[in-house]
Amino acid sequence: MSELNYSVVAYLSGGLRDFVDGFRKRLNPNFADWLAHVSILPPRPLQATQKEAVQAIQRRCAQWEPFQVGIDGVATFWPVRGVVYLSLSFGSQLLVELHDALNCGGLECVEPYPYVPHVTIAQELDEAGIHAVLEDVSRQWSRFAGERAFHLESLSLVQQTPENGWNDLATLPLGSLLTPSRK
């Protein structure tokens, strides 16, 4: 069996999650079980044990306060990759900084593409598929009346399964849960 990959993700919530999950189920049934998220660290093998990875993520998460992330519009990586995604309007720079802070030590990986935070709607599309999905998602996104932002409060370390699904291994809150003692 080949080596399984790990990823660090931030899950969407509420109506925004439901909107994305609905599209993913309809447009990419092979990826329908993947919950709506922003990948902070795209899939990679671990250079550490799972326990060490969780501890490293936990230490770094403690240094970040929760923040808002806004969704802007619909875009694609075509012709580089057959992906249609929701782009981010605010919080994007913080996600890049969070990615850079986590992409080190046992979690470090040389990624094939520059990190662009986004919410994938559909992937592995050909050129005709890209254009059709882009038009469909753009039309539906323009009608979406729900909240176009989410509060990023925690990150999840996930592991790829042999069936190309993902299992949550740990959910780690941003910010410190400890109150400093007063002496």
Protein backbone atom coordinates (compact mmCIF):
# COMPACT_ATOMS: atom_id res chain seq x y z
CA MET A 1 0.00 0.00 0.00
CA SER A 2 1.31 3.44 -0.85
CA GLU A 3 1.97 6.03 1.82
CA LEU A 4 -1.14 7.89 2.94
CA ASN A 5 -1.24 11.67 2.99
CA TYR A 6 -2.21 14.06 5.76
CA SER A 7 -3.66 17.54 5.53
CA VAL A 8 -4.56 20.39 7.89
CA VAL A 9 -7.95 21.92 7.15
CA ALA A 10 -10.39 24.51 8.47
CA TYR A 11 -14.01 23.39 8.08
CA LEU A 12 -16.71 25.79 6.95
CA SER A 13 -19.90 26.14 8.96
CA GLY A 14 -23.59 26.94 8.58
CA GLY A 15 -25.25 27.81 5.30
CA LEU A 16 -21.91 28.37 3.58
CA ARG A 17 -20.91 24.76 4.37
CA ASP A 18 -24.28 23.50 3.14
CA PHE A 19 -23.96 25.49 -0.12
CA VAL A 20 -20.50 24.06 -0.86
CA ASP A 21 -21.38 20.51 0.22
CA GLY A 22 -24.45 20.57 -2.02
CA PHE A 23 -22.42 21.55 -5.05
CA ARG A 24 -19.67 19.04 -4.28
CA LYS A 25 -22.20 16.19 -4.00
CA ARG A 26 -23.85 17.14 -7.27
CA LEU A 27 -20.76 18.00 -9.33
CA ASN A 28 -18.12 15.61 -7.99
CA PRO A 29 -19.77 12.55 -6.42
CA ASN A 30 -16.32 10.93 -5.99
CA PHE A 31 -15.43 13.74 -3.57
CA ALA A 32 -18.85 14.14 -1.95
CA ASP A 33 -17.68 12.76 1.39
CA TRP A 34 -15.06 15.48 1.75
CA LEU A 35 -16.58 18.16 3.98
CA ALA A 36 -16.43 21.80 2.85
CA HIS A 37 -13.10 23.25 3.98
CA VAL A 38 -10.10 25.42 3.28
CA SER A 39 -6.89 23.41 3.18
CA ILE A 40 -4.25 25.10 5.32
CA LEU A 41 -1.64 22.44 4.54
CA PRO A 42 -2.48 20.60 1.31
CA PRO A 43 -2.08 16.79 1.31
CA ARG A 44 1.41 15.53 2.14
CA PRO A 45 3.22 12.67 3.85
CA LEU A 46 4.23 13.33 7.46
CA GLN A 47 7.89 13.60 8.36
CA ALA A 48 6.98 12.99 12.01
CA THR A 49 4.70 10.69 13.98
CA GLN A 50 1.02 11.60 14.19
CA LYS A 51 1.49 12.48 17.86
CA GLU A 52 4.40 14.82 17.05
CA ALA A 53 2.39 16.41 14.23
CA VAL A 54 -0.59 17.03 16.54
CA GLN A 55 1.70 18.57 19.18
CA ALA A 56 3.36 20.83 16.58
CA ILE A 57 0.01 22.02 15.24
CA GLN A 58 -1.27 22.57 18.78
CA ARG A 59 1.75 24.73 19.69
CA ARG A 60 1.36 26.85 16.58
CA CYS A 61 -2.44 27.14 16.92
CA ALA A 62 -2.00 28.53 20.43
CA GLN A 63 -0.20 31.52 18.85
CA TRP A 64 -3.15 32.42 16.58
CA GLU A 65 -6.38 34.02 17.65
CA PRO A 66 -9.57 33.00 15.80
CA PHE A 67 -10.39 35.20 12.80
CA GLN A 68 -12.98 35.77 10.08
CA VAL A 69 -12.54 34.52 6.52
CA GLY A 70 -14.69 35.95 3.75
CA ILE A 71 -15.68 34.33 0.47
CA ASP A 72 -15.54 36.54 -2.60
CA GLY A 73 -16.48 34.85 -5.84
CA VAL A 74 -16.02 31.89 -8.14
CA ALA A 75 -12.72 31.19 -9.93
CA THR A 76 -10.68 28.43 -11.54
CA PHE A 77 -7.05 27.36 -11.74
CA TRP A 78 -7.53 26.45 -15.43
CA PRO A 79 -5.40 25.74 -17.48
CA VAL A 80 -2.99 24.61 -14.76
CA ARG A 81 -5.53 22.43 -12.91
CA GLY A 82 -9.15 21.43 -13.50
CA VAL A 83 -10.48 23.03 -10.30
CA VAL A 84 -13.41 25.41 -9.73
CA TYR A 85 -13.29 27.13 -6.36
CA LEU A 86 -14.59 29.96 -4.22
CA SER A 87 -11.97 32.67 -3.77
CA LEU A 88 -11.45 34.56 -0.54
CA SER A 89 -12.08 38.25 0.04
CA PHE A 90 -10.61 38.75 3.52
CA GLY A 91 -8.61 36.59 5.87
CA SER A 92 -6.62 35.26 2.94
CA GLN A 93 -3.33 36.81 4.04
CA LEU A 94 -3.78 35.37 7.54
CA LEU A 95 -4.34 31.93 6.00
CA VAL A 96 -1.12 32.28 3.99
CA GLU A 97 0.73 33.24 7.17
CA LEU A 98 -0.85 30.31 9.03
CA HIS A 99 0.15 27.96 6.20
CA ASP A 100 3.72 29.24 6.33
CA ALA A 101 3.84 28.86 10.13
CA LEU A 102 2.67 25.23 9.93
CA ASN A 103 4.69 24.16 6.88
CA CYS A 104 7.84 23.33 8.84
CA GLY A 105 9.45 20.52 10.81
CA GLY A 106 7.58 17.23 10.58
CA LEU A 107 4.79 18.91 8.60
CA GLU A 108 7.05 20.49 5.98
CA CYS A 109 6.54 19.67 2.33
CA VAL A 110 7.71 21.21 -0.92
CA GLU A 111 4.39 21.83 -2.64
CA PRO A 112 4.01 21.62 -6.42
CA TYR A 113 2.04 24.90 -6.59
CA PRO A 114 2.17 28.15 -4.62
CA TYR A 115 -0.32 28.12 -1.74
CA VAL A 116 -3.59 29.87 -2.64
CA PRO A 117 -6.25 29.59 0.08
CA HIS A 118 -9.60 28.69 -1.46
CA VAL A 119 -12.69 26.48 -1.09
CA THR A 120 -12.77 23.77 -3.75
CA ILE A 121 -16.16 23.22 -5.37
CA ALA A 122 -15.21 20.75 -8.13
CA GLN A 123 -11.96 19.22 -9.33
CA GLU A 124 -10.45 16.92 -11.95
CA LEU A 125 -12.50 18.65 -14.65
CA ASP A 126 -11.61 18.94 -18.34
CA GLU A 127 -11.90 22.23 -20.23
CA ALA A 128 -15.58 21.77 -21.14
CA GLY A 129 -16.37 20.75 -17.57
CA ILE A 130 -14.56 23.78 -16.17
CA HIS A 131 -16.62 26.20 -18.27
CA ALA A 132 -19.96 24.51 -17.49
CA VAL A 133 -19.28 24.26 -13.74
CA LEU A 134 -17.88 27.79 -13.56
CA GLU A 135 -21.05 29.17 -15.16
CA ASP A 136 -23.35 27.05 -12.96
CA VAL A 137 -21.57 27.86 -9.69
CA SER A 138 -21.27 31.57 -10.57
CA ARG A 139 -25.01 31.77 -11.21
CA GLN A 140 -25.87 30.00 -7.94
CA TRP A 141 -23.29 31.99 -5.94
CA SER A 142 -24.80 35.27 -7.17
CA ARG A 143 -28.15 34.09 -5.72
CA PHE A 144 -26.72 32.82 -2.43
CA ALA A 145 -28.28 34.92 0.33
CA GLY A 146 -26.46 33.30 3.26
CA GLU A 147 -23.43 34.45 5.23
CA ARG A 148 -20.40 34.73 2.93
CA ALA A 149 -17.86 34.38 5.72
CA PHE A 150 -16.93 31.95 8.44
CA HIS A 151 -15.17 32.22 11.78
CA LEU A 152 -12.00 30.15 11.79
CA GLU A 153 -11.67 28.87 15.36
CA SER A 154 -9.92 25.53 14.93
CA LEU A 155 -7.89 23.40 12.56
CA SER A 156 -8.22 19.67 11.95
CA LEU A 157 -5.46 17.21 11.12
CA VAL A 158 -6.92 14.69 8.69
CA GLN A 159 -5.54 11.49 7.18
CA GLN A 160 -6.34 10.13 3.75
CA THR A 161 -7.90 6.68 3.64
CA PRO A 162 -7.06 3.99 1.08
CA GLU A 163 -10.52 4.65 -0.45
CA ASN A 164 -9.59 8.32 -1.06
CA GLY A 165 -11.65 9.62 1.85
CA TRP A 166 -10.40 11.59 4.86
CA ASN A 167 -10.55 10.80 8.57
CA ASP A 168 -10.33 13.47 11.25
CA LEU A 169 -7.46 12.68 13.63
CA ALA A 170 -7.47 15.79 15.82
CA THR A 171 -9.23 19.14 16.08
CA LEU A 172 -7.08 21.88 17.57
CA PRO A 173 -8.45 25.28 18.63
CA LEU A 174 -6.78 28.54 17.72
CA GLY A 175 -5.67 30.66 20.65
CA SER A 176 -4.55 29.62 24.07
CA LEU A 177 -7.04 27.89 26.31
CA LEU A 178 -4.85 28.56 29.35
CA THR A 179 -5.21 31.70 31.40
CA PRO A 180 -1.83 32.92 32.68
CA SER A 181 -1.52 32.64 36.44
CA ARG A 182 -1.21 35.90 38.36
CA LYS A 183 1.56 35.96 40.92
